[in-house]
Amino acid sequence: LWQLLRGLTDSGEVIFWCGVMIFCVLYFFAVLGVTTIGLPEQFKDLETKHGAIAQEYFGEVVAAILTLWQVMTLDSWASLMRPLWAQEPLVVFYFVIFILVAVFILMNIITAVIVENAFNSAKEDRKDHDRQLEIAREAEFEALRGLFNAMDVNNSGRVDADELQTAIKKKNIREKLKTLNIN
């Protein structure tokens, strides 16, 4: 969840521009909807069901944008399209093309950007974790080197049995060996 949230925040600029692009697509299709559904004569008759729907949802650009937002979220778009389709069969292409562009392309681009940024954040976290492990490993080697040097009394570069027995009697060396899990 944290990585997804980081991916979301890291992709803020891209999401902003995708939002601008979505608004442009909504506006374009809203103007197209007003001119092809809201204004033609076959949809002007408010007495018919398809005419009332056409005027309510596509009579002006703002209403068409809100309608297309509903369609983009796939919220009961079929109940809106079917009465219009009954009057003009080509209306189905308008809705299908809008759904293809807005839902399947633009919304999936936003999802892909967020997921990719989340993966990049996870990769960076993994690198940071590996660096921390390497630093800890180096510290352990330094501790072992110090322990070895403390036990190597004659500076021969080797710890013989006598030096080991002498070193074990010292409390600080015994504690270091215990922390390293060496009996």
Foldseek 3Di string as FASTA:
>chain_A
DVLLVQLCVVCVVVVVVLVVVLVVLLQVLLVVLLVPQQPDPLLCDCVDPSVVLSCQQNVDSVSVSVLLVCVLVVPPVVVSVVVVCVSPVCVVVSSVVSNCPRRVPSVVVSVVSSVVSSVVVVVVVVVVVVVVVVVVVVVVVVLVVVLQVVLCPVPPSDHDPVSVVVSCVDPVSVVSCVVVVHD
